[in-house]
Amino acid sequence: IGSLFLSALAPTLWKMDWRTAVALSGALAMSSTAVVVKML
């Protein structure tokens, strides 16, 4: 939702359709298991 809103608000800066937004949001949902578990 945020990516689509930004795309509508500033298309020259952040232009994408909903499929791209879903794919990037899936990547955004991930955190680093390797780094965090080692630090813990």
Full PDB file with SEQRES, HELIX, SHEET, SSBOND, CRYST1, ORIGX, SCALE, CONECT and MASTER records, all heavy atoms in Angstrom:
SEQRES   1 A   40  ILE GLY SER LEU PHE LEU SER ALA LEU ALA PRO THR LEU          
SEQRES   2 A   40  TRP LYS MET ASP TRP ARG THR ALA VAL ALA LEU SER GLY          
SEQRES   3 A   40  ALA LEU ALA MET SER SER THR ALA VAL VAL VAL LYS MET          
SEQRES   4 A   40  LEU                                                          
HELIX    1 AA1 GLY A    2  LEU A    9  1                                   8    
HELIX    2 AA2 TRP A   18  LEU A   28  1                                  11    
HELIX    3 AA3 THR A   33  MET A   39  1                                   7    
CRYST1    1.000    1.000    1.000  90.00  90.00  90.00 P 1           1          
ORIGX1      1.000000  0.000000  0.000000        0.00000                         
ORIGX2      0.000000  1.000000  0.000000        0.00000                         
ORIGX3      0.000000  0.000000  1.000000        0.00000                         
SCALE1      1.000000  0.000000  0.000000        0.00000                         
SCALE2      0.000000  1.000000  0.000000        0.00000                         
SCALE3      0.000000  0.000000  1.000000        0.00000                         
ATOM      1  N   ILE A   1       0.842  -1.210   0.000  1.00  0.00           N  
ATOM      2  CA  ILE A   1       0.000   0.000   0.000  1.00  0.00           C  
ATOM      3  C   ILE A   1       0.872   1.253   0.000  1.00  0.00           C  
ATOM      4  O   ILE A   1       0.636   2.206  -0.757  1.00  0.00           O  
ATOM      5  CB  ILE A   1      -0.943  -0.009   1.218  1.00  0.00           C  
ATOM      6  CG1 ILE A   1      -1.951  -1.153   1.090  1.00  0.00           C  
ATOM      7  CG2 ILE A   1      -1.667   1.331   1.350  1.00  0.00           C  
ATOM      8  CD1 ILE A   1      -2.790  -1.360   2.333  1.00  0.00           C  
ATOM      9  N   GLY A   2       1.910   1.266   0.836  1.00  0.00           N  
ATOM     10  CA  GLY A   2       2.793   2.423   0.898  1.00  0.00           C  
ATOM     11  C   GLY A   2       3.526   2.657  -0.409  1.00  0.00           C  
ATOM     12  O   GLY A   2       3.688   3.807  -0.847  1.00  0.00           O  
ATOM     13  N   SER A   3       4.000   1.588  -1.063  1.00  0.00           N  
ATOM     14  CA  SER A   3       4.708   1.728  -2.338  1.00  0.00           C  
ATOM     15  C   SER A   3       3.792   2.282  -3.420  1.00  0.00           C  
ATOM     16  O   SER A   3       4.195   3.154  -4.210  1.00  0.00           O  
ATOM     17  CB  SER A   3       5.271   0.372  -2.776  1.00  0.00           C  
ATOM     18  OG  SER A   3       6.249  -0.075  -1.875  1.00  0.00           O  
ATOM     19  N   LEU A   4       2.561   1.787  -3.474  1.00  0.00           N  
ATOM     20  CA  LEU A   4       1.608   2.283  -4.475  1.00  0.00           C  
ATOM     21  C   LEU A   4       1.240   3.739  -4.206  1.00  0.00           C  
ATOM     22  O   LEU A   4       1.090   4.538  -5.148  1.00  0.00           O  
ATOM     23  CB  LEU A   4       0.353   1.408  -4.470  1.00  0.00           C  
ATOM     24  CG  LEU A   4       0.554  -0.040  -4.949  1.00  0.00           C  
ATOM     25  CD1 LEU A   4      -0.734  -0.833  -4.827  1.00  0.00           C  
ATOM     26  CD2 LEU A   4       1.043  -0.065  -6.398  1.00  0.00           C  
ATOM     27  N   PHE A   5       1.104   4.108  -2.935  1.00  0.00           N  
ATOM     28  CA  PHE A   5       0.793   5.493  -2.589  1.00  0.00           C  
ATOM     29  C   PHE A   5       1.936   6.416  -3.002  1.00  0.00           C  
ATOM     30  O   PHE A   5       1.729   7.487  -3.582  1.00  0.00           O  
ATOM     31  CB  PHE A   5       0.534   5.607  -1.087  1.00  0.00           C  
ATOM     32  CG  PHE A   5       0.284   7.010  -0.614  1.00  0.00           C  
ATOM     33  CD1 PHE A   5      -0.940   7.631  -0.857  1.00  0.00           C  
ATOM     34  CD2 PHE A   5       1.279   7.718   0.054  1.00  0.00           C  
ATOM     35  CE1 PHE A   5      -1.172   8.933  -0.431  1.00  0.00           C  
ATOM     36  CE2 PHE A   5       1.060   9.012   0.484  1.00  0.00           C  
ATOM     37  CZ  PHE A   5      -0.170   9.628   0.241  1.00  0.00           C  
ATOM     38  N   LEU A   6       3.185   5.990  -2.721  1.00  0.00           N  
ATOM     39  CA  LEU A   6       4.347   6.787  -3.102  1.00  0.00           C  
ATOM     40  C   LEU A   6       4.477   6.867  -4.618  1.00  0.00           C  
ATOM     41  O   LEU A   6       4.865   7.914  -5.165  1.00  0.00           O  
ATOM     42  CB  LEU A   6       5.614   6.171  -2.498  1.00  0.00           C  
ATOM     43  CG  LEU A   6       6.927   6.922  -2.730  1.00  0.00           C  
ATOM     44  CD1 LEU A   6       6.857   8.323  -2.135  1.00  0.00           C  
ATOM     45  CD2 LEU A   6       8.104   6.158  -2.129  1.00  0.00           C  
ATOM     46  N   SER A   7       4.151   5.777  -5.308  1.00  0.00           N  
ATOM     47  CA  SER A   7       4.209   5.769  -6.765  1.00  0.00           C  
ATOM     48  C   SER A   7       3.221   6.770  -7.358  1.00  0.00           C  
ATOM     49  O   SER A   7       3.526   7.457  -8.339  1.00  0.00           O  
ATOM     50  CB  SER A   7       3.924   4.362  -7.294  1.00  0.00           C  
ATOM     51  OG  SER A   7       3.960   4.330  -8.694  1.00  0.00           O  
ATOM     52  N   ALA A   8       2.033   6.860  -6.748  1.00  0.00           N  
ATOM     53  CA  ALA A   8       1.041   7.830  -7.222  1.00  0.00           C  
ATOM     54  C   ALA A   8       1.437   9.253  -6.860  1.00  0.00           C  
ATOM     55  O   ALA A   8       1.176  10.203  -7.613  1.00  0.00           O  
ATOM     56  CB  ALA A   8      -0.322   7.501  -6.618  1.00  0.00           C  
ATOM     57  N   LEU A   9       2.101   9.408  -5.719  1.00  0.00           N  
ATOM     58  CA  LEU A   9       2.461  10.736  -5.232  1.00  0.00           C  
ATOM     59  C   LEU A   9       3.682  11.291  -5.962  1.00  0.00           C  
ATOM     60  O   LEU A   9       3.732  12.488  -6.278  1.00  0.00           O  
ATOM     61  CB  LEU A   9       2.752  10.660  -3.725  1.00  0.00           C  
ATOM     62  CG  LEU A   9       2.813  11.970  -2.947  1.00  0.00           C  
ATOM     63  CD1 LEU A   9       1.447  12.637  -2.913  1.00  0.00           C  
ATOM     64  CD2 LEU A   9       3.297  11.714  -1.521  1.00  0.00           C  
ATOM     65  N   ALA A  10       4.693  10.421  -6.217  1.00  0.00           N  
ATOM     66  CA  ALA A  10       5.934  10.870  -6.864  1.00  0.00           C  
ATOM     67  C   ALA A  10       6.355   9.862  -7.924  1.00  0.00           C  
ATOM     68  O   ALA A  10       7.300   9.092  -7.732  1.00  0.00           O  
ATOM     69  CB  ALA A  10       7.028  11.045  -5.815  1.00  0.00           C  
ATOM     70  N   PRO A  11       5.652   9.829  -9.055  1.00  0.00           N  
ATOM     71  CA  PRO A  11       5.941   8.811 -10.079  1.00  0.00           C  
ATOM     72  C   PRO A  11       7.337   8.924 -10.687  1.00  0.00           C  
ATOM     73  O   PRO A  11       7.896   7.932 -11.141  1.00  0.00           O  
ATOM     74  CB  PRO A  11       4.854   9.058 -11.135  1.00  0.00           C  
ATOM     75  CG  PRO A  11       4.372  10.453 -10.884  1.00  0.00           C  
ATOM     76  CD  PRO A  11       4.539  10.706  -9.433  1.00  0.00           C  
ATOM     77  N   THR A  12       7.912  10.121 -10.697  1.00  0.00           N  
ATOM     78  CA  THR A  12       9.262  10.252 -11.261  1.00  0.00           C  
ATOM     79  C   THR A  12      10.323   9.636 -10.335  1.00  0.00           C  
ATOM     80  O   THR A  12      11.376   9.208 -10.784  1.00  0.00           O  
ATOM     81  CB  THR A  12       9.600  11.737 -11.479  1.00  0.00           C  
ATOM     82  OG1 THR A  12       9.443  12.438 -10.241  1.00  0.00           O  
ATOM     83  CG2 THR A  12       8.662  12.347 -12.517  1.00  0.00           C  
ATOM     84  N   LEU A  13      10.020   9.593  -9.044  1.00  0.00           N  
ATOM     85  CA  LEU A  13      10.964   9.058  -8.066  1.00  0.00           C  
ATOM     86  C   LEU A  13      10.765   7.567  -7.833  1.00  0.00           C  
ATOM     87  O   LEU A  13      11.725   6.814  -7.675  1.00  0.00           O  
ATOM     88  CB  LEU A  13      10.811   9.820  -6.738  1.00  0.00           C  
ATOM     89  CG  LEU A  13      11.759   9.433  -5.607  1.00  0.00           C  
ATOM     90  CD1 LEU A  13      13.175   9.878  -5.936  1.00  0.00           C  
ATOM     91  CD2 LEU A  13      11.298  10.054  -4.292  1.00  0.00           C  
ATOM     92  N   TRP A  14       9.505   7.122  -7.820  1.00  0.00           N  
ATOM     93  CA  TRP A  14       9.171   5.755  -7.372  1.00  0.00           C  
ATOM     94  C   TRP A  14       7.996   5.250  -8.210  1.00  0.00           C  
ATOM     95  O   TRP A  14       6.867   5.289  -7.784  1.00  0.00           O  
ATOM     96  CB  TRP A  14       8.827   5.792  -5.877  1.00  0.00           C  
ATOM     97  CG  TRP A  14       8.632   4.452  -5.228  1.00  0.00           C  
ATOM     98  CD1 TRP A  14       7.445   3.825  -5.001  1.00  0.00           C  
ATOM     99  CD2 TRP A  14       9.638   3.584  -4.724  1.00  0.00           C  
ATOM    100  NE1 TRP A  14       7.648   2.625  -4.401  1.00  0.00           N  
ATOM    101  CE2 TRP A  14       8.999   2.446  -4.198  1.00  0.00           C  
ATOM    102  CE3 TRP A  14      11.034   3.653  -4.659  1.00  0.00           C  
ATOM    103  CZ2 TRP A  14       9.698   1.395  -3.627  1.00  0.00           C  
ATOM    104  CZ3 TRP A  14      11.725   2.606  -4.085  1.00  0.00           C  
ATOM    105  CH2 TRP A  14      11.056   1.492  -3.579  1.00  0.00           C  
ATOM    106  N   LYS A  15       8.284   4.754  -9.407  1.00  0.00           N  
ATOM    107  CA  LYS A  15       7.229   4.320 -10.322  1.00  0.00           C  
ATOM    108  C   LYS A  15       7.185   2.796 -10.369  1.00  0.00           C  
ATOM    109  O   LYS A  15       8.172   2.144 -10.702  1.00  0.00           O  
ATOM    110  CB  LYS A  15       7.501   4.885 -11.724  1.00  0.00           C  
ATOM    111  CG  LYS A  15       6.485   4.450 -12.762  1.00  0.00           C  
ATOM    112  CD  LYS A  15       5.103   4.997 -12.461  1.00  0.00           C  
ATOM    113  CE  LYS A  15       4.105   4.635 -13.566  1.00  0.00           C  
ATOM    114  NZ  LYS A  15       2.724   5.030 -13.213  1.00  0.00           N  
ATOM    115  N   MET A  16       6.017   2.207 -10.027  1.00  0.00           N  
ATOM    116  CA  MET A  16       5.865   0.751 -10.078  1.00  0.00           C  
ATOM    117  C   MET A  16       4.392   0.381 -10.023  1.00  0.00           C  
ATOM    118  O   MET A  16       3.552   1.178  -9.583  1.00  0.00           O  
ATOM    119  CB  MET A  16       6.620   0.091  -8.920  1.00  0.00           C  
ATOM    120  CG  MET A  16       6.097   0.412  -7.539  1.00  0.00           C  
ATOM    121  SD  MET A  16       7.065  -0.373  -6.236  1.00  0.00           S  
ATOM    122  CE  MET A  16       8.660   0.353  -6.477  1.00  0.00           C  
ATOM    123  N   ASP A  17       4.083  -0.857 -10.473  1.00  0.00           N  
ATOM    124  CA  ASP A  17       2.704  -1.345 -10.357  1.00  0.00           C  
ATOM    125  C   ASP A  17       2.593  -2.233  -9.117  1.00  0.00           C  
ATOM    126  O   ASP A  17       3.566  -2.449  -8.388  1.00  0.00           O  
ATOM    127  CB  ASP A  17       2.272  -2.090 -11.621  1.00  0.00           C  
ATOM    128  CG  ASP A  17       3.134  -3.323 -11.900  1.00  0.00           C  
ATOM    129  OD1 ASP A  17       3.910  -3.726 -11.002  1.00  0.00           O  
ATOM    130  OD2 ASP A  17       3.038  -3.892 -12.999  1.00  0.00           O  
ATOM    131  N   TRP A  18       1.407  -2.800  -8.894  1.00  0.00           N  
ATOM    132  CA  TRP A  18       1.165  -3.539  -7.649  1.00  0.00           C  
ATOM    133  C   TRP A  18       1.972  -4.832  -7.575  1.00  0.00           C  
ATOM    134  O   TRP A  18       2.347  -5.284  -6.490  1.00  0.00           O  
ATOM    135  CB  TRP A  18      -0.330  -3.837  -7.495  1.00  0.00           C  
ATOM    136  CG  TRP A  18      -0.894  -4.839  -8.467  1.00  0.00           C  
ATOM    137  CD1 TRP A  18      -1.434  -4.599  -9.686  1.00  0.00           C  
ATOM    138  CD2 TRP A  18      -0.952  -6.264  -8.277  1.00  0.00           C  
ATOM    139  NE1 TRP A  18      -1.830  -5.767 -10.282  1.00  0.00           N  
ATOM    140  CE2 TRP A  18      -1.552  -6.809  -9.430  1.00  0.00           C  
ATOM    141  CE3 TRP A  18      -0.563  -7.113  -7.250  1.00  0.00           C  
ATOM    142  CZ2 TRP A  18      -1.765  -8.168  -9.589  1.00  0.00           C  
ATOM    143  CZ3 TRP A  18      -0.775  -8.474  -7.404  1.00  0.00           C  
ATOM    144  CH2 TRP A  18      -1.372  -8.993  -8.553  1.00  0.00           C  
ATOM    145  N   ARG A  19       2.288  -5.431  -8.730  1.00  0.00           N  
ATOM    146  CA  ARG A  19       3.059  -6.681  -8.708  1.00  0.00           C  
ATOM    147  C   ARG A  19       4.486  -6.440  -8.211  1.00  0.00           C  
ATOM    148  O   ARG A  19       5.022  -7.214  -7.403  1.00  0.00           O  
ATOM    149  CB  ARG A  19       3.084  -7.295 -10.108  1.00  0.00           C  
ATOM    150  CG  ARG A  19       1.706  -7.727 -10.622  1.00  0.00           C  
ATOM    151  CD  ARG A  19       1.764  -8.230 -12.043  1.00  0.00           C  
ATOM    152  NE  ARG A  19       2.213  -7.179 -12.953  1.00  0.00           N  
ATOM    153  CZ  ARG A  19       2.480  -7.359 -14.244  1.00  0.00           C  
ATOM    154  NH1 ARG A  19       2.370  -8.570 -14.761  1.00  0.00           N  
ATOM    155  NH2 ARG A  19       2.865  -6.361 -15.010  1.00  0.00           N  
ATOM    156  N   THR A  20       5.083  -5.358  -8.694  1.00  0.00           N  
ATOM    157  CA  THR A  20       6.418  -4.996  -8.209  1.00  0.00           C  
ATOM    158  C   THR A  20       6.384  -4.666  -6.725  1.00  0.00           C  
ATOM    159  O   THR A  20       7.280  -5.048  -5.961  1.00  0.00           O  
ATOM    160  CB  THR A  20       6.953  -3.792  -9.004  1.00  0.00           C  
ATOM    161  OG1 THR A  20       6.976  -4.117 -10.394  1.00  0.00           O  
ATOM    162  CG2 THR A  20       8.357  -3.411  -8.538  1.00  0.00           C  
ATOM    163  N   ALA A  21       5.323  -3.946  -6.326  1.00  0.00           N  
ATOM    164  CA  ALA A  21       5.194  -3.566  -4.912  1.00  0.00           C  
ATOM    165  C   ALA A  21       5.092  -4.802  -4.016  1.00  0.00           C  
ATOM    166  O   ALA A  21       5.690  -4.851  -2.937  1.00  0.00           O  
ATOM    167  CB  ALA A  21       3.973  -2.667  -4.722  1.00  0.00           C  
ATOM    168  N   VAL A  22       4.338  -5.816  -4.455  1.00  0.00           N  
ATOM    169  CA  VAL A  22       4.212  -7.050  -3.668  1.00  0.00           C  
ATOM    170  C   VAL A  22       5.562  -7.765  -3.563  1.00  0.00           C  
ATOM    171  O   VAL A  22       5.967  -8.227  -2.484  1.00  0.00           O  
ATOM    172  CB  VAL A  22       3.152  -7.988  -4.291  1.00  0.00           C  
ATOM    173  CG1 VAL A  22       3.199  -9.366  -3.641  1.00  0.00           C  
ATOM    174  CG2 VAL A  22       1.760  -7.394  -4.143  1.00  0.00           C  
ATOM    175  N   ALA A  23       6.288  -7.858  -4.691  1.00  0.00           N  
ATOM    176  CA  ALA A  23       7.583  -8.539  -4.693  1.00  0.00           C  
ATOM    177  C   ALA A  23       8.579  -7.835  -3.767  1.00  0.00           C  
ATOM    178  O   ALA A  23       9.271  -8.485  -2.968  1.00  0.00           O  
ATOM    179  CB  ALA A  23       8.144  -8.606  -6.110  1.00  0.00           C  
ATOM    180  N   LEU A  24       8.643  -6.506  -3.851  1.00  0.00           N  
ATOM    181  CA  LEU A  24       9.579  -5.764  -3.002  1.00  0.00           C  
ATOM    182  C   LEU A  24       9.162  -5.804  -1.538  1.00  0.00           C  
ATOM    183  O   LEU A  24      10.008  -5.834  -0.638  1.00  0.00           O  
ATOM    184  CB  LEU A  24       9.679  -4.310  -3.483  1.00  0.00           C  
ATOM    185  CG  LEU A  24      10.348  -4.107  -4.850  1.00  0.00           C  
ATOM    186  CD1 LEU A  24      10.385  -2.629  -5.212  1.00  0.00           C  
ATOM    187  CD2 LEU A  24      11.772  -4.670  -4.848  1.00  0.00           C  
ATOM    188  N   SER A  25       7.861  -5.815  -1.276  1.00  0.00           N  
ATOM    189  CA  SER A  25       7.390  -5.899   0.110  1.00  0.00           C  
ATOM    190  C   SER A  25       7.711  -7.256   0.716  1.00  0.00           C  
ATOM    191  O   SER A  25       7.966  -7.368   1.923  1.00  0.00           O  
ATOM    192  CB  SER A  25       5.882  -5.635   0.172  1.00  0.00           C  
ATOM    193  OG  SER A  25       5.591  -4.330  -0.272  1.00  0.00           O  
ATOM    194  N   GLY A  26       7.691  -8.303  -0.117  1.00  0.00           N  
ATOM    195  CA  GLY A  26       8.106  -9.620   0.367  1.00  0.00           C  
ATOM    196  C   GLY A  26       9.566  -9.622   0.794  1.00  0.00           C  
ATOM    197  O   GLY A  26       9.934 -10.197   1.825  1.00  0.00           O  
ATOM    198  N   ALA A  27      10.425  -8.946  -0.014  1.00  0.00           N  
ATOM    199  CA  ALA A  27      11.836  -8.823   0.363  1.00  0.00           C  
ATOM    200  C   ALA A  27      11.989  -7.966   1.618  1.00  0.00           C  
ATOM    201  O   ALA A  27      12.826  -8.256   2.487  1.00  0.00           O  
ATOM    202  CB  ALA A  27      12.635  -8.218  -0.790  1.00  0.00           C  
ATOM    203  N   LEU A  28      11.161  -6.919   1.729  1.00  0.00           N  
ATOM    204  CA  LEU A  28      11.209  -6.034   2.899  1.00  0.00           C  
ATOM    205  C   LEU A  28      10.859  -6.774   4.189  1.00  0.00           C  
ATOM    206  O   LEU A  28      11.391  -6.460   5.259  1.00  0.00           O  
ATOM    207  CB  LEU A  28      10.235  -4.864   2.692  1.00  0.00           C  
ATOM    208  CG  LEU A  28      10.020  -3.912   3.867  1.00  0.00           C  
ATOM    209  CD1 LEU A  28      11.307  -3.153   4.182  1.00  0.00           C  
ATOM    210  CD2 LEU A  28       8.879  -2.939   3.569  1.00  0.00           C  
ATOM    211  N   ALA A  29       9.985  -7.774   4.099  1.00  0.00           N  
ATOM    212  CA  ALA A  29       9.529  -8.499   5.298  1.00  0.00           C  
ATOM    213  C   ALA A  29      10.629  -9.338   5.939  1.00  0.00           C  
ATOM    214  O   ALA A  29      10.518  -9.732   7.101  1.00  0.00           O  
ATOM    215  CB  ALA A  29       8.342  -9.398   4.942  1.00  0.00           C  
ATOM    216  N   MET A  30      11.712  -9.608   5.197  1.00  0.00           N  
ATOM    217  CA  MET A  30      12.768 -10.484   5.700  1.00  0.00           C  
ATOM    218  C   MET A  30      13.780  -9.724   6.563  1.00  0.00           C  
ATOM    219  O   MET A  30      14.115  -8.584   6.272  1.00  0.00           O  
ATOM    220  CB  MET A  30      13.515 -11.144   4.533  1.00  0.00           C  
ATOM    221  CG  MET A  30      12.632 -11.984   3.626  1.00  0.00           C  
ATOM    222  SD  MET A  30      11.920 -13.393   4.491  1.00  0.00           S  
ATOM    223  CE  MET A  30      10.168 -13.101   4.199  1.00  0.00           C  
ATOM    224  N   SER A  31      14.248 -10.376   7.612  1.00  0.00           N  
ATOM    225  CA  SER A  31      15.345  -9.861   8.441  1.00  0.00           C  
ATOM    226  C   SER A  31      16.508 -10.847   8.355  1.00  0.00           C  
ATOM    227  O   SER A  31      16.354 -11.963   7.861  1.00  0.00           O  
ATOM    228  CB  SER A  31      14.892  -9.696   9.891  1.00  0.00           C  
ATOM    229  OG  SER A  31      13.776  -8.834   9.976  1.00  0.00           O  
ATOM    230  N   SER A  32      17.660 -10.442   8.834  1.00  0.00           N  
ATOM    231  CA  SER A  32      18.861 -11.260   8.658  1.00  0.00           C  
ATOM    232  C   SER A  32      19.015 -12.298   9.760  1.00  0.00           C  
ATOM    233  O   SER A  32      19.425 -11.972  10.881  1.00  0.00           O  
ATOM    234  CB  SER A  32      20.108 -10.373   8.612  1.00  0.00           C  
ATOM    235  OG  SER A  32      21.258 -11.169   8.480  1.00  0.00           O  
ATOM    236  N   THR A  33      18.689 -13.541   9.443  1.00  0.00           N  
ATOM    237  CA  THR A  33      18.861 -14.635  10.409  1.00  0.00           C  
ATOM    238  C   THR A  33      20.330 -14.807  10.788  1.00  0.00           C  
ATOM    239  O   THR A  33      20.674 -14.938  11.969  1.00  0.00           O  
ATOM    240  CB  THR A  33      18.325 -15.950   9.810  1.00  0.00           C  
ATOM    241  OG1 THR A  33      16.948 -15.779   9.470  1.00  0.00           O  
ATOM    242  CG2 THR A  33      18.456 -17.097  10.794  1.00  0.00           C  
ATOM    243  N   ALA A  34      21.224 -14.773   9.794  1.00  0.00           N  
ATOM    244  CA  ALA A  34      22.645 -15.028  10.048  1.00  0.00           C  
ATOM    245  C   ALA A  34      23.243 -13.991  10.991  1.00  0.00           C  
ATOM    246  O   ALA A  34      23.947 -14.331  11.951  1.00  0.00           O  
ATOM    247  CB  ALA A  34      23.412 -15.047   8.726  1.00  0.00           C  
ATOM    248  N   VAL A  35      22.963 -12.708  10.738  1.00  0.00           N  
ATOM    249  CA  VAL A  35      23.557 -11.642  11.552  1.00  0.00           C  
ATOM    250  C   VAL A  35      22.943 -11.625  12.947  1.00  0.00           C  
ATOM    251  O   VAL A  35      23.643 -11.581  13.965  1.00  0.00           O  
ATOM    252  CB  VAL A  35      23.371 -10.274  10.864  1.00  0.00           C  
ATOM    253  CG1 VAL A  35      23.899  -9.150  11.756  1.00  0.00           C  
ATOM    254  CG2 VAL A  35      24.081 -10.245   9.522  1.00  0.00           C  
ATOM    255  N   VAL A  36      21.612 -11.661  13.015  1.00  0.00           N  
ATOM    256  CA  VAL A  36      20.920 -11.484  14.300  1.00  0.00           C  
ATOM    257  C   VAL A  36      21.166 -12.673  15.232  1.00  0.00           C  
ATOM    258  O   VAL A  36      21.425 -12.489  16.424  1.00  0.00           O  
ATOM    259  CB  VAL A  36      19.411 -11.269  14.065  1.00  0.00           C  
ATOM    260  CG1 VAL A  36      18.666 -11.213  15.391  1.00  0.00           C  
ATOM    261  CG2 VAL A  36      19.177  -9.979  13.289  1.00  0.00           C  
ATOM    262  N   VAL A  37      21.095 -13.896  14.701  1.00  0.00           N  
ATOM    263  CA  VAL A  37      21.296 -15.073  15.557  1.00  0.00           C  
ATOM    264  C   VAL A  37      22.709 -15.088  16.114  1.00  0.00           C  
ATOM    265  O   VAL A  37      22.929 -15.410  17.293  1.00  0.00           O  
ATOM    266  CB  VAL A  37      20.996 -16.371  14.776  1.00  0.00           C  
ATOM    267  CG1 VAL A  37      21.406 -17.591  15.582  1.00  0.00           C  
ATOM    268  CG2 VAL A  37      19.511 -16.446  14.450  1.00  0.00           C  
ATOM    269  N   LYS A  38      23.711 -14.715  15.302  1.00  0.00           N  
ATOM    270  CA  LYS A  38      25.088 -14.666  15.803  1.00  0.00           C  
ATOM    271  C   LYS A  38      25.217 -13.628  16.915  1.00  0.00           C  
ATOM    272  O   LYS A  38      25.848 -13.878  17.949  1.00  0.00           O  
ATOM    273  CB  LYS A  38      26.055 -14.333  14.663  1.00  0.00           C  
ATOM    274  CG  LYS A  38      27.507 -14.348  15.133  1.00  0.00           C  
ATOM    275  CD  LYS A  38      28.465 -13.928  14.046  1.00  0.00           C  
ATOM    276  CE  LYS A  38      29.916 -14.081  14.512  1.00  0.00           C  
ATOM    277  NZ  LYS A  38      30.222 -13.332  15.734  1.00  0.00           N  
ATOM    278  N   MET A  39      24.607 -12.469  16.727  1.00  0.00           N  
ATOM    279  CA  MET A  39      24.693 -11.423  17.756  1.00  0.00           C  
ATOM    280  C   MET A  39      23.983 -11.867  19.036  1.00  0.00           C  
ATOM    281  O   MET A  39      24.471 -11.625  20.145  1.00  0.00           O  
ATOM    282  CB  MET A  39      24.082 -10.127  17.231  1.00  0.00           C  
ATOM    283  CG  MET A  39      24.823  -9.495  16.060  1.00  0.00           C  
ATOM    284  SD  MET A  39      26.446  -8.853  16.491  1.00  0.00           S  
ATOM    285  CE  MET A  39      26.031  -7.477  17.539  1.00  0.00           C  
ATOM    286  N   LEU A  40      22.824 -12.508  18.898  1.00  0.00           N  
ATOM    287  CA  LEU A  40      22.109 -13.006  20.077  1.00  0.00           C  
ATOM    288  C   LEU A  40      22.952 -14.030  20.833  1.00  0.00           C  
ATOM    289  O   LEU A  40      23.018 -14.011  22.069  1.00  0.00           O  
ATOM    290  CB  LEU A  40      20.778 -13.644  19.654  1.00  0.00           C  
ATOM    291  CG  LEU A  40      19.626 -12.701  19.311  1.00  0.00           C  
ATOM    292  CD1 LEU A  40      18.463 -13.490  18.714  1.00  0.00           C  
ATOM    293  CD2 LEU A  40      19.145 -11.934  20.533  1.00  0.00           C  
TER     294      LEU A  40                                                      
MASTER        0    0    0    3    0    0    0    6  293    1    0    4          
END                                                                             
